[in-house]
Amino acid sequence: MNFLAPQWLLLLIPVVAIVAAYLVMQLRRSKYAVRFTNLDLLTSVAPRGPGFRRHVPAAAFSVMLVLLVIGFARPTAEVQVPRERATVIVAFDVSASMLAEDVEPTRFAAAQQAARRFAEGLPPRFNLGLVAFSQYASIAVPATTDRQAVLDAVDRLSTSAGTAIGEAVFASLDAISTIDAQAGADPPPAHVVLLSDGSITTGRSIAEAVAEATGRRVPVSTIAYGTPRGMIQMDGRTVQVPVDGPALKDLADSTGGRFYEAASGDELRAVYDDIGSSVGFRVERQEVWPWFVGLGLLGAVVAAGTSLFWFSRIP
């Protein structure tokens, strides 16, 4: 937490002095009571003390002073603020390895379901596009606010051979360029979310994709989807298709995105939820002094209310 007017925190010094004086007075009061040596007689003639209750108003009053001083110092904190607009491109791996059944019912079907949920959860004003890639990459749906178009395209996806991760990034950047051209001098912030389960096998390299995305200042978050036990049937034989994450991690780290690993449909949905939260909000530093002033006034109410209720006076 930072303060825009930290000089006001010096007022905490007299507050601490008041608290110290109160504690000293309570200690002196205890000593005076002990001077009355006939404790049995003291118990019979003196009413029962209020015990801890006599300290509650003072404690509430002290807390009030501290909170009000902090409020005057104008504290600031990082706050998540919803974005009004953004462009998000989902790059979806449709290579044959996505038919592995290590994720029920298959990697492909579970990924389709999670992608639909992600699309439905984004703010309505966000532009959302879909890129499908296997041996080649193509823009299945240009970035648009029409969610149904994206959902229908996700349902129509089908698998084929090859994994062109680099080409998927270039196609995603092309889709973003179209929106930027339409927006003119004030394009919305953009983000690419790329899901894949394998290593690049064709097309331009990840290093080339990193250079292009970095130059465009577009972060690419990547999801390595599947488990090391993945298998598919190909030409009558069983082929191992373990998930391969290092290249995807390098792509995300080098472009300022985030790298995720998901080994089940539930984990993938959680990843998409996290991405949606990070893309849909921006972090701003805002003043939060009203919270401290409000809590300080609540402390004043507690101090006055307990003193009036228990001792018939307002401190």
C-alpha atoms as a PDB file:
ATOM      1  CA  MET A   1       0.000   0.000   0.000  1.00  0.00           C
ATOM      2  CA  ASN A   2       1.281   3.470  -0.924  1.00  0.00           C
ATOM      3  CA  PHE A   3       0.255   6.900   0.351  1.00  0.00           C
ATOM      4  CA  LEU A   4      -0.209  10.077  -1.671  1.00  0.00           C
ATOM      5  CA  ALA A   5       0.049  12.308   1.439  1.00  0.00           C
ATOM      6  CA  PRO A   6       2.299  10.357   3.840  1.00  0.00           C
ATOM      7  CA  GLN A   7       3.006  13.442   5.980  1.00  0.00           C
ATOM      8  CA  TRP A   8      -0.400  12.958   7.610  1.00  0.00           C
ATOM      9  CA  LEU A   9       0.894   9.716   9.126  1.00  0.00           C
ATOM     10  CA  LEU A  10       2.813  11.865  11.619  1.00  0.00           C
ATOM     11  CA  LEU A  11      -0.521  12.306  13.386  1.00  0.00           C
ATOM     12  CA  LEU A  12      -0.156   8.701  14.509  1.00  0.00           C
ATOM     13  CA  ILE A  13       2.424   9.928  17.026  1.00  0.00           C
ATOM     14  CA  PRO A  14      -0.108  11.768  19.247  1.00  0.00           C
ATOM     15  CA  VAL A  15      -2.527   8.859  18.804  1.00  0.00           C
ATOM     16  CA  VAL A  16       0.112   6.472  20.154  1.00  0.00           C
ATOM     17  CA  ALA A  17       0.760   8.943  22.989  1.00  0.00           C
ATOM     18  CA  ILE A  18      -2.949   8.970  23.910  1.00  0.00           C
ATOM     19  CA  VAL A  19      -3.055   5.157  23.957  1.00  0.00           C
ATOM     20  CA  ALA A  20       0.084   5.040  26.104  1.00  0.00           C
ATOM     21  CA  ALA A  21      -1.398   7.577  28.531  1.00  0.00           C
ATOM     22  CA  TYR A  22      -4.550   5.499  28.813  1.00  0.00           C
ATOM     23  CA  LEU A  23      -2.569   2.367  29.623  1.00  0.00           C
ATOM     24  CA  VAL A  24      -0.537   4.214  32.260  1.00  0.00           C
ATOM     25  CA  MET A  25      -3.727   5.527  33.895  1.00  0.00           C
ATOM     26  CA  GLN A  26      -5.146   1.998  34.026  1.00  0.00           C
ATOM     27  CA  LEU A  27      -2.002   0.700  35.728  1.00  0.00           C
ATOM     28  CA  ARG A  28      -2.119   3.523  38.306  1.00  0.00           C
ATOM     29  CA  ARG A  29      -5.774   2.772  38.948  1.00  0.00           C
ATOM     30  CA  SER A  30      -4.930  -0.872  39.701  1.00  0.00           C
ATOM     31  CA  LYS A  31      -2.259   0.206  42.184  1.00  0.00           C
ATOM     32  CA  TYR A  32      -4.693   2.500  44.018  1.00  0.00           C
ATOM     33  CA  ALA A  33      -7.150  -0.369  44.370  1.00  0.00           C
ATOM     34  CA  VAL A  34      -4.520  -2.619  45.931  1.00  0.00           C
ATOM     35  CA  ARG A  35      -3.850  -0.008  48.693  1.00  0.00           C
ATOM     36  CA  PHE A  36      -7.210  -0.867  50.214  1.00  0.00           C
ATOM     37  CA  THR A  37      -5.914  -3.765  52.315  1.00  0.00           C
ATOM     38  CA  ASN A  38      -9.263  -5.111  53.538  1.00  0.00           C
ATOM     39  CA  LEU A  39     -10.248  -6.792  50.270  1.00  0.00           C
ATOM     40  CA  ASP A  40     -13.278  -8.558  51.795  1.00  0.00           C
ATOM     41  CA  LEU A  41     -14.713  -5.230  52.938  1.00  0.00           C
ATOM     42  CA  LEU A  42     -13.881  -3.648  49.563  1.00  0.00           C
ATOM     43  CA  THR A  43     -15.811  -6.392  47.800  1.00  0.00           C
ATOM     44  CA  SER A  44     -18.853  -5.860  50.008  1.00  0.00           C
ATOM     45  CA  VAL A  45     -19.022  -2.062  49.702  1.00  0.00           C
ATOM     46  CA  ALA A  46     -17.924  -1.574  46.095  1.00  0.00           C
ATOM     47  CA  PRO A  47     -20.119  -2.599  43.189  1.00  0.00           C
ATOM     48  CA  ARG A  48     -18.853  -5.158  40.753  1.00  0.00           C
ATOM     49  CA  GLY A  49     -16.568  -3.523  38.180  1.00  0.00           C
ATOM     50  CA  PRO A  50     -17.361  -3.467  34.508  1.00  0.00           C
ATOM     51  CA  GLY A  51     -14.336  -5.666  33.726  1.00  0.00           C
ATOM     52  CA  PHE A  52     -13.183  -5.681  30.114  1.00  0.00           C
ATOM     53  CA  ARG A  53     -16.199  -3.612  29.043  1.00  0.00           C
ATOM     54  CA  ARG A  54     -14.668  -0.388  30.299  1.00  0.00           C
ATOM     55  CA  HIS A  55     -11.867  -0.783  27.745  1.00  0.00           C
ATOM     56  CA  VAL A  56     -14.099  -1.396  24.708  1.00  0.00           C
ATOM     57  CA  PRO A  57     -15.071   2.266  24.057  1.00  0.00           C
ATOM     58  CA  ALA A  58     -11.445   3.361  24.462  1.00  0.00           C
ATOM     59  CA  ALA A  59     -10.218   0.652  22.106  1.00  0.00           C
ATOM     60  CA  ALA A  60     -12.862   1.525  19.495  1.00  0.00           C
ATOM     61  CA  PHE A  61     -12.009   5.220  19.846  1.00  0.00           C
ATOM     62  CA  SER A  62      -8.287   4.484  19.320  1.00  0.00           C
ATOM     63  CA  VAL A  63      -8.983   2.375  16.248  1.00  0.00           C
ATOM     64  CA  MET A  64     -11.140   5.194  14.901  1.00  0.00           C
ATOM     65  CA  LEU A  65      -8.282   7.676  15.272  1.00  0.00           C
ATOM     66  CA  VAL A  66      -5.797   5.371  13.544  1.00  0.00           C
ATOM     67  CA  LEU A  67      -8.137   4.716  10.613  1.00  0.00           C
ATOM     68  CA  LEU A  68      -8.949   8.383  10.144  1.00  0.00           C
ATOM     69  CA  VAL A  69      -5.259   9.303  10.137  1.00  0.00           C
ATOM     70  CA  ILE A  70      -4.557   6.631   7.508  1.00  0.00           C
ATOM     71  CA  GLY A  71      -7.482   7.957   5.486  1.00  0.00           C
ATOM     72  CA  PHE A  72      -6.039  11.483   5.576  1.00  0.00           C
ATOM     73  CA  ALA A  73      -2.765  10.056   4.222  1.00  0.00           C
ATOM     74  CA  ARG A  74      -4.669   9.023   1.053  1.00  0.00           C
ATOM     75  CA  PRO A  75      -3.728   5.358   0.754  1.00  0.00           C
ATOM     76  CA  THR A  76      -3.717   3.696  -2.654  1.00  0.00           C
ATOM     77  CA  ALA A  77      -4.001   0.046  -3.662  1.00  0.00           C
ATOM     78  CA  GLU A  78      -4.000  -1.991  -6.865  1.00  0.00           C
ATOM     79  CA  VAL A  79      -7.596  -2.572  -7.971  1.00  0.00           C
ATOM     80  CA  GLN A  80      -8.936  -4.729 -10.803  1.00  0.00           C
ATOM     81  CA  VAL A  81     -10.979  -2.632 -13.220  1.00  0.00           C
ATOM     82  CA  PRO A  82     -13.042  -4.243 -16.003  1.00  0.00           C
ATOM     83  CA  ARG A  83     -11.792  -3.483 -19.494  1.00  0.00           C
ATOM     84  CA  GLU A  84     -14.290  -1.804 -21.776  1.00  0.00           C
ATOM     85  CA  ARG A  85     -12.892  -3.453 -24.904  1.00  0.00           C
ATOM     86  CA  ALA A  86     -10.211  -5.877 -26.072  1.00  0.00           C
ATOM     87  CA  THR A  87      -9.465  -8.335 -28.857  1.00  0.00           C
ATOM     88  CA  VAL A  88      -8.902 -11.975 -27.957  1.00  0.00           C
ATOM     89  CA  ILE A  89      -7.920 -14.623 -30.495  1.00  0.00           C
ATOM     90  CA  VAL A  90      -8.239 -18.286 -29.521  1.00  0.00           C
ATOM     91  CA  ALA A  91      -5.819 -20.464 -31.514  1.00  0.00           C
ATOM     92  CA  PHE A  92      -7.128 -24.045 -31.338  1.00  0.00           C
ATOM     93  CA  ASP A  93      -4.948 -27.077 -32.125  1.00  0.00           C
ATOM     94  CA  VAL A  94      -6.894 -29.477 -34.365  1.00  0.00           C
ATOM     95  CA  SER A  95      -4.030 -31.911 -35.007  1.00  0.00           C
ATOM     96  CA  ALA A  96      -4.781 -35.653 -34.968  1.00  0.00           C
ATOM     97  CA  SER A  97      -3.133 -36.068 -31.571  1.00  0.00           C
ATOM     98  CA  MET A  98      -6.062 -34.161 -30.061  1.00  0.00           C
ATOM     99  CA  LEU A  99      -8.109 -37.351 -30.509  1.00  0.00           C
ATOM    100  CA  ALA A 100      -6.184 -39.014 -27.660  1.00  0.00           C
ATOM    101  CA  GLU A 101      -8.486 -40.353 -24.955  1.00  0.00           C
ATOM    102  CA  ASP A 102      -6.270 -39.603 -21.944  1.00  0.00           C
ATOM    103  CA  VAL A 103      -8.739 -36.759 -21.337  1.00  0.00           C
ATOM    104  CA  GLU A 104     -12.378 -37.881 -21.338  1.00  0.00           C
ATOM    105  CA  PRO A 105     -13.991 -38.269 -23.772  1.00  0.00           C
ATOM    106  CA  THR A 106     -11.071 -37.002 -25.907  1.00  0.00           C
ATOM    107  CA  ARG A 107      -8.695 -34.067 -25.718  1.00  0.00           C
ATOM    108  CA  PHE A 108     -10.486 -32.559 -28.688  1.00  0.00           C
ATOM    109  CA  ALA A 109     -14.038 -32.828 -27.331  1.00  0.00           C
ATOM    110  CA  ALA A 110     -13.067 -31.564 -23.881  1.00  0.00           C
ATOM    111  CA  ALA A 111     -11.170 -28.651 -25.422  1.00  0.00           C
ATOM    112  CA  GLN A 112     -14.188 -27.725 -27.549  1.00  0.00           C
ATOM    113  CA  GLN A 113     -16.397 -27.644 -24.465  1.00  0.00           C
ATOM    114  CA  ALA A 114     -13.935 -25.476 -22.527  1.00  0.00           C
ATOM    115  CA  ALA A 115     -13.503 -23.103 -25.485  1.00  0.00           C
ATOM    116  CA  ARG A 116     -17.279 -22.616 -25.694  1.00  0.00           C
ATOM    117  CA  ARG A 117     -17.437 -21.751 -22.007  1.00  0.00           C
ATOM    118  CA  PHE A 118     -14.554 -19.300 -22.423  1.00  0.00           C
ATOM    119  CA  ALA A 119     -16.280 -17.594 -25.341  1.00  0.00           C
ATOM    120  CA  GLU A 120     -19.544 -17.267 -23.436  1.00  0.00           C
ATOM    121  CA  GLY A 121     -17.800 -15.800 -20.390  1.00  0.00           C
ATOM    122  CA  LEU A 122     -15.985 -12.916 -22.078  1.00  0.00           C
ATOM    123  CA  PRO A 123     -17.509  -9.413 -21.810  1.00  0.00           C
ATOM    124  CA  PRO A 124     -19.980  -8.754 -24.656  1.00  0.00           C
ATOM    125  CA  ARG A 125     -17.995  -5.820 -26.067  1.00  0.00           C
ATOM    126  CA  PHE A 126     -14.827  -7.878 -26.503  1.00  0.00           C
ATOM    127  CA  ASN A 127     -13.852  -8.897 -30.018  1.00  0.00           C
ATOM    128  CA  LEU A 128     -13.291 -12.664 -30.133  1.00  0.00           C
ATOM    129  CA  GLY A 129     -11.778 -14.577 -33.033  1.00  0.00           C
ATOM    130  CA  LEU A 130     -10.928 -18.224 -33.685  1.00  0.00           C
ATOM    131  CA  VAL A 131      -7.887 -19.671 -35.445  1.00  0.00           C
ATOM    132  CA  ALA A 132      -7.687 -23.402 -36.174  1.00  0.00           C
ATOM    133  CA  PHE A 133      -4.335 -24.989 -36.882  1.00  0.00           C
ATOM    134  CA  SER A 134      -2.900 -28.386 -37.755  1.00  0.00           C
ATOM    135  CA  GLN A 135      -0.578 -28.644 -40.780  1.00  0.00           C
ATOM    136  CA  TYR A 136      -1.764 -25.159 -41.722  1.00  0.00           C
ATOM    137  CA  ALA A 137      -3.370 -22.329 -39.783  1.00  0.00           C
ATOM    138  CA  SER A 138      -6.461 -20.443 -40.860  1.00  0.00           C
ATOM    139  CA  ILE A 139      -8.799 -17.843 -39.412  1.00  0.00           C
ATOM    140  CA  ALA A 140     -12.002 -19.773 -38.740  1.00  0.00           C
ATOM    141  CA  VAL A 141     -13.802 -16.665 -37.449  1.00  0.00           C
ATOM    142  CA  PRO A 142     -12.462 -13.092 -37.737  1.00  0.00           C
ATOM    143  CA  ALA A 143     -12.509 -11.145 -34.479  1.00  0.00           C
ATOM    144  CA  THR A 144     -16.109 -10.184 -33.776  1.00  0.00           C
ATOM    145  CA  THR A 145     -18.561  -9.484 -30.986  1.00  0.00           C
ATOM    146  CA  ASP A 146     -20.897 -12.125 -32.460  1.00  0.00           C
ATOM    147  CA  ARG A 147     -20.429 -14.917 -29.916  1.00  0.00           C
ATOM    148  CA  GLN A 148     -22.741 -17.312 -31.711  1.00  0.00           C
ATOM    149  CA  ALA A 149     -20.535 -17.225 -34.790  1.00  0.00           C
ATOM    150  CA  VAL A 150     -17.571 -18.318 -32.693  1.00  0.00           C
ATOM    151  CA  LEU A 151     -19.555 -21.009 -30.883  1.00  0.00           C
ATOM    152  CA  ASP A 152     -20.809 -22.434 -34.177  1.00  0.00           C
ATOM    153  CA  ALA A 153     -17.268 -22.466 -35.582  1.00  0.00           C
ATOM    154  CA  VAL A 154     -15.950 -24.315 -32.509  1.00  0.00           C
ATOM    155  CA  ASP A 155     -18.604 -26.979 -33.061  1.00  0.00           C
ATOM    156  CA  ARG A 156     -17.551 -27.374 -36.707  1.00  0.00           C
ATOM    157  CA  LEU A 157     -13.852 -27.943 -35.995  1.00  0.00           C
ATOM    158  CA  SER A 158     -12.327 -31.212 -37.190  1.00  0.00           C
ATOM    159  CA  THR A 159      -8.880 -32.749 -36.872  1.00  0.00           C
ATOM    160  CA  SER A 160      -6.119 -33.405 -39.387  1.00  0.00           C
ATOM    161  CA  ALA A 161      -2.376 -34.113 -39.387  1.00  0.00           C
ATOM    162  CA  GLY A 162       0.421 -31.704 -38.432  1.00  0.00           C
ATOM    163  CA  THR A 163       1.037 -28.998 -35.833  1.00  0.00           C
ATOM    164  CA  ALA A 164       1.923 -25.515 -37.111  1.00  0.00           C
ATOM    165  CA  ILE A 165       2.219 -23.530 -33.897  1.00  0.00           C
ATOM    166  CA  GLY A 166       4.213 -20.709 -35.447  1.00  0.00           C
ATOM    167  CA  GLU A 167       1.695 -20.317 -38.257  1.00  0.00           C
ATOM    168  CA  ALA A 168      -1.101 -20.200 -35.684  1.00  0.00           C
ATOM    169  CA  VAL A 169       0.516 -17.170 -34.038  1.00  0.00           C
ATOM    170  CA  PHE A 170       0.950 -15.401 -37.382  1.00  0.00           C
ATOM    171  CA  ALA A 171      -2.685 -16.088 -38.335  1.00  0.00           C
ATOM    172  CA  SER A 172      -3.838 -14.762 -34.953  1.00  0.00           C
ATOM    173  CA  LEU A 173      -1.808 -11.582 -35.440  1.00  0.00           C
ATOM    174  CA  ASP A 174      -3.367 -11.170 -38.899  1.00  0.00           C
ATOM    175  CA  ALA A 175      -6.834 -11.344 -37.314  1.00  0.00           C
ATOM    176  CA  ILE A 176      -5.793  -8.696 -34.789  1.00  0.00           C
ATOM    177  CA  SER A 177      -4.451  -6.468 -37.597  1.00  0.00           C
ATOM    178  CA  THR A 178      -7.911  -6.361 -39.178  1.00  0.00           C
ATOM    179  CA  ILE A 179      -9.473  -5.065 -35.959  1.00  0.00           C
ATOM    180  CA  ASP A 180      -6.628  -2.575 -35.456  1.00  0.00           C
ATOM    181  CA  ALA A 181      -7.153  -1.219 -38.964  1.00  0.00           C
ATOM    182  CA  GLN A 182     -10.849  -0.736 -38.267  1.00  0.00           C
ATOM    183  CA  ALA A 183     -10.165   0.972 -34.944  1.00  0.00           C
ATOM    184  CA  GLY A 184      -7.750   3.469 -36.488  1.00  0.00           C
ATOM    185  CA  ALA A 185      -5.589   5.430 -34.063  1.00  0.00           C
ATOM    186  CA  ASP A 186      -7.035   3.825 -30.926  1.00  0.00           C
ATOM    187  CA  PRO A 187      -6.936   0.017 -31.306  1.00  0.00           C
ATOM    188  CA  PRO A 188      -8.088  -2.117 -28.369  1.00  0.00           C
ATOM    189  CA  PRO A 189      -5.541  -4.164 -26.415  1.00  0.00           C
ATOM    190  CA  ALA A 190      -5.070  -7.634 -27.890  1.00  0.00           C
ATOM    191  CA  HIS A 191      -4.241 -11.086 -26.537  1.00  0.00           C
ATOM    192  CA  VAL A 192      -3.723 -14.494 -28.137  1.00  0.00           C
ATOM    193  CA  VAL A 193      -4.670 -17.693 -26.299  1.00  0.00           C
ATOM    194  CA  LEU A 194      -3.073 -20.727 -27.950  1.00  0.00           C
ATOM    195  CA  LEU A 195      -3.953 -24.300 -26.997  1.00  0.00           C
ATOM    196  CA  SER A 196      -1.877 -27.222 -28.217  1.00  0.00           C
ATOM    197  CA  ASP A 197      -0.879 -30.712 -27.119  1.00  0.00           C
ATOM    198  CA  GLY A 198       2.233 -31.305 -29.206  1.00  0.00           C
ATOM    199  CA  SER A 199       5.467 -29.989 -30.652  1.00  0.00           C
ATOM    200  CA  ILE A 200       5.689 -27.892 -33.796  1.00  0.00           C
ATOM    201  CA  THR A 201       6.079 -30.083 -36.884  1.00  0.00           C
ATOM    202  CA  THR A 202       5.678 -27.677 -39.793  1.00  0.00           C
ATOM    203  CA  GLY A 203       5.537 -24.030 -40.812  1.00  0.00           C
ATOM    204  CA  ARG A 204       7.402 -21.051 -39.422  1.00  0.00           C
ATOM    205  CA  SER A 205       9.316 -21.503 -36.187  1.00  0.00           C
ATOM    206  CA  ILE A 206       8.283 -20.436 -32.727  1.00  0.00           C
ATOM    207  CA  ALA A 207      11.262 -18.061 -32.658  1.00  0.00           C
ATOM    208  CA  GLU A 208       9.839 -16.254 -35.700  1.00  0.00           C
ATOM    209  CA  ALA A 209       6.418 -16.142 -34.061  1.00  0.00           C
ATOM    210  CA  VAL A 210       7.927 -14.727 -30.866  1.00  0.00           C
ATOM    211  CA  ALA A 211       9.719 -12.001 -32.808  1.00  0.00           C
ATOM    212  CA  GLU A 212       6.520 -11.000 -34.612  1.00  0.00           C
ATOM    213  CA  ALA A 213       4.300 -11.041 -31.507  1.00  0.00           C
ATOM    214  CA  THR A 214       6.881  -9.131 -29.481  1.00  0.00           C
ATOM    215  CA  GLY A 215       7.218  -6.522 -32.209  1.00  0.00           C
ATOM    216  CA  ARG A 216       3.449  -6.119 -32.235  1.00  0.00           C
ATOM    217  CA  ARG A 217       3.344  -6.078 -28.417  1.00  0.00           C
ATOM    218  CA  VAL A 218       0.746  -8.829 -28.346  1.00  0.00           C
ATOM    219  CA  PRO A 219       1.124 -11.322 -25.476  1.00  0.00           C
ATOM    220  CA  VAL A 220       0.528 -14.970 -26.292  1.00  0.00           C
ATOM    221  CA  SER A 221      -0.732 -17.152 -23.440  1.00  0.00           C
ATOM    222  CA  THR A 222      -0.281 -20.854 -24.101  1.00  0.00           C
ATOM    223  CA  ILE A 223      -1.955 -23.976 -22.760  1.00  0.00           C
ATOM    224  CA  ALA A 224      -0.207 -27.360 -22.909  1.00  0.00           C
ATOM    225  CA  TYR A 225      -3.162 -29.722 -22.923  1.00  0.00           C
ATOM    226  CA  GLY A 226      -3.094 -33.459 -22.254  1.00  0.00           C
ATOM    227  CA  THR A 227      -1.046 -35.967 -20.277  1.00  0.00           C
ATOM    228  CA  PRO A 228       2.202 -37.904 -20.885  1.00  0.00           C
ATOM    229  CA  ARG A 229       0.069 -41.048 -21.391  1.00  0.00           C
ATOM    230  CA  GLY A 230      -1.764 -39.892 -24.515  1.00  0.00           C
ATOM    231  CA  MET A 231      -2.146 -42.416 -27.367  1.00  0.00           C
ATOM    232  CA  ILE A 232      -3.955 -42.490 -30.703  1.00  0.00           C
ATOM    233  CA  GLN A 233      -4.531 -45.148 -33.358  1.00  0.00           C
ATOM    234  CA  MET A 234      -2.842 -44.310 -36.668  1.00  0.00           C
ATOM    235  CA  ASP A 235      -2.616 -46.656 -39.668  1.00  0.00           C
ATOM    236  CA  GLY A 236      -3.523 -49.628 -37.508  1.00  0.00           C
ATOM    237  CA  ARG A 237      -0.901 -49.010 -34.860  1.00  0.00           C
ATOM    238  CA  THR A 238      -0.782 -47.268 -31.506  1.00  0.00           C
ATOM    239  CA  VAL A 239       1.178 -44.028 -31.458  1.00  0.00           C
ATOM    240  CA  GLN A 240       2.270 -42.270 -28.266  1.00  0.00           C
ATOM    241  CA  VAL A 241       1.299 -38.562 -28.237  1.00  0.00           C
ATOM    242  CA  PRO A 242       2.514 -37.135 -24.912  1.00  0.00           C
ATOM    243  CA  VAL A 243       1.925 -33.459 -24.291  1.00  0.00           C
ATOM    244  CA  ASP A 244       4.987 -31.281 -24.900  1.00  0.00           C
ATOM    245  CA  GLY A 245       5.131 -28.051 -22.917  1.00  0.00           C
ATOM    246  CA  PRO A 246       8.645 -26.482 -23.043  1.00  0.00           C
ATOM    247  CA  ALA A 247       8.211 -24.823 -26.448  1.00  0.00           C
ATOM    248  CA  LEU A 248       4.811 -23.452 -25.436  1.00  0.00           C
ATOM    249  CA  LYS A 249       6.273 -22.118 -22.199  1.00  0.00           C
ATOM    250  CA  ASP A 250       9.025 -20.360 -24.108  1.00  0.00           C
ATOM    251  CA  LEU A 251       6.461 -18.822 -26.452  1.00  0.00           C
ATOM    252  CA  ALA A 252       4.415 -17.464 -23.538  1.00  0.00           C
ATOM    253  CA  ASP A 253       7.377 -16.252 -21.475  1.00  0.00           C
ATOM    254  CA  SER A 254       9.002 -14.516 -24.454  1.00  0.00           C
ATOM    255  CA  THR A 255       5.870 -12.578 -25.441  1.00  0.00           C
ATOM    256  CA  GLY A 256       4.687 -11.552 -21.982  1.00  0.00           C
ATOM    257  CA  GLY A 257       1.869 -14.081 -21.796  1.00  0.00           C
ATOM    258  CA  ARG A 258       1.217 -16.859 -19.302  1.00  0.00           C
ATOM    259  CA  PHE A 259       1.932 -20.553 -19.621  1.00  0.00           C
ATOM    260  CA  TYR A 260      -0.547 -23.130 -18.329  1.00  0.00           C
ATOM    261  CA  GLU A 261      -0.681 -26.898 -18.149  1.00  0.00           C
ATOM    262  CA  ALA A 262      -3.993 -28.769 -18.081  1.00  0.00           C
ATOM    263  CA  ALA A 263      -4.400 -32.534 -17.831  1.00  0.00           C
ATOM    264  CA  SER A 264      -8.196 -32.752 -17.658  1.00  0.00           C
ATOM    265  CA  GLY A 265     -11.314 -31.005 -18.846  1.00  0.00           C
ATOM    266  CA  ASP A 266     -11.870 -29.440 -15.427  1.00  0.00           C
ATOM    267  CA  GLU A 267      -8.319 -28.104 -15.323  1.00  0.00           C
ATOM    268  CA  LEU A 268      -8.681 -26.653 -18.806  1.00  0.00           C
ATOM    269  CA  ARG A 269     -11.892 -24.857 -17.831  1.00  0.00           C
ATOM    270  CA  ALA A 270     -10.107 -23.443 -14.772  1.00  0.00           C
ATOM    271  CA  VAL A 271      -7.268 -22.230 -17.001  1.00  0.00           C
ATOM    272  CA  TYR A 272      -9.684 -20.491 -19.341  1.00  0.00           C
ATOM    273  CA  ASP A 273     -11.439 -18.900 -16.347  1.00  0.00           C
ATOM    274  CA  ASP A 274      -8.105 -17.540 -15.139  1.00  0.00           C
ATOM    275  CA  ILE A 275      -7.219 -16.219 -18.590  1.00  0.00           C
ATOM    276  CA  GLY A 276     -10.644 -14.609 -18.906  1.00  0.00           C
ATOM    277  CA  SER A 277     -10.146 -12.872 -15.584  1.00  0.00           C
ATOM    278  CA  SER A 278      -6.690 -11.568 -16.484  1.00  0.00           C
ATOM    279  CA  VAL A 279      -7.715 -10.443 -19.984  1.00  0.00           C
ATOM    280  CA  GLY A 280     -11.048  -8.977 -18.904  1.00  0.00           C
ATOM    281  CA  PHE A 281      -9.568  -6.752 -16.213  1.00  0.00           C
ATOM    282  CA  ARG A 282      -6.709  -4.327 -15.945  1.00  0.00           C
ATOM    283  CA  VAL A 283      -4.941  -3.420 -12.724  1.00  0.00           C
ATOM    284  CA  GLU A 284      -5.003   0.226 -11.709  1.00  0.00           C
ATOM    285  CA  ARG A 285      -3.712   1.954  -8.610  1.00  0.00           C
ATOM    286  CA  GLN A 286      -6.603   3.825  -7.013  1.00  0.00           C
ATOM    287  CA  GLU A 287      -7.172   5.769  -3.818  1.00  0.00           C
ATOM    288  CA  VAL A 288      -8.896   3.705  -1.149  1.00  0.00           C
ATOM    289  CA  TRP A 289      -9.167   6.316   1.602  1.00  0.00           C
ATOM    290  CA  PRO A 290     -13.006   6.133   1.728  1.00  0.00           C
ATOM    291  CA  TRP A 291     -12.698   2.600   3.121  1.00  0.00           C
ATOM    292  CA  PHE A 292     -10.543   3.809   5.997  1.00  0.00           C
ATOM    293  CA  VAL A 293     -12.709   6.833   6.721  1.00  0.00           C
ATOM    294  CA  GLY A 294     -15.817   4.640   6.647  1.00  0.00           C
ATOM    295  CA  LEU A 295     -14.296   2.092   9.023  1.00  0.00           C
ATOM    296  CA  GLY A 296     -13.132   4.963  11.242  1.00  0.00           C
ATOM    297  CA  LEU A 297     -16.678   6.317  11.473  1.00  0.00           C
ATOM    298  CA  LEU A 298     -17.859   2.804  12.294  1.00  0.00           C
ATOM    299  CA  GLY A 299     -15.310   2.744  15.109  1.00  0.00           C
ATOM    300  CA  ALA A 300     -16.737   6.041  16.392  1.00  0.00           C
ATOM    301  CA  VAL A 301     -20.236   4.547  16.410  1.00  0.00           C
ATOM    302  CA  VAL A 302     -18.985   1.486  18.327  1.00  0.00           C
ATOM    303  CA  ALA A 303     -17.180   3.676  20.877  1.00  0.00           C
ATOM    304  CA  ALA A 304     -20.199   5.904  21.428  1.00  0.00           C
ATOM    305  CA  GLY A 305     -22.730   3.069  21.431  1.00  0.00           C
ATOM    306  CA  THR A 306     -20.919   0.813  23.912  1.00  0.00           C
ATOM    307  CA  SER A 307     -20.158   3.713  26.244  1.00  0.00           C
ATOM    308  CA  LEU A 308     -23.753   4.911  26.184  1.00  0.00           C
ATOM    309  CA  PHE A 309     -25.198   1.410  26.611  1.00  0.00           C
ATOM    310  CA  TRP A 310     -22.906   0.269  29.412  1.00  0.00           C
ATOM    311  CA  PHE A 311     -22.037   3.518  31.203  1.00  0.00           C
ATOM    312  CA  SER A 312     -24.840   5.929  30.207  1.00  0.00           C
ATOM    313  CA  ARG A 313     -22.423   8.454  28.767  1.00  0.00           C
ATOM    314  CA  ILE A 314     -20.713   9.241  25.499  1.00  0.00           C
ATOM    315  CA  PRO A 315     -16.902   9.346  25.684  1.00  0.00           C
END
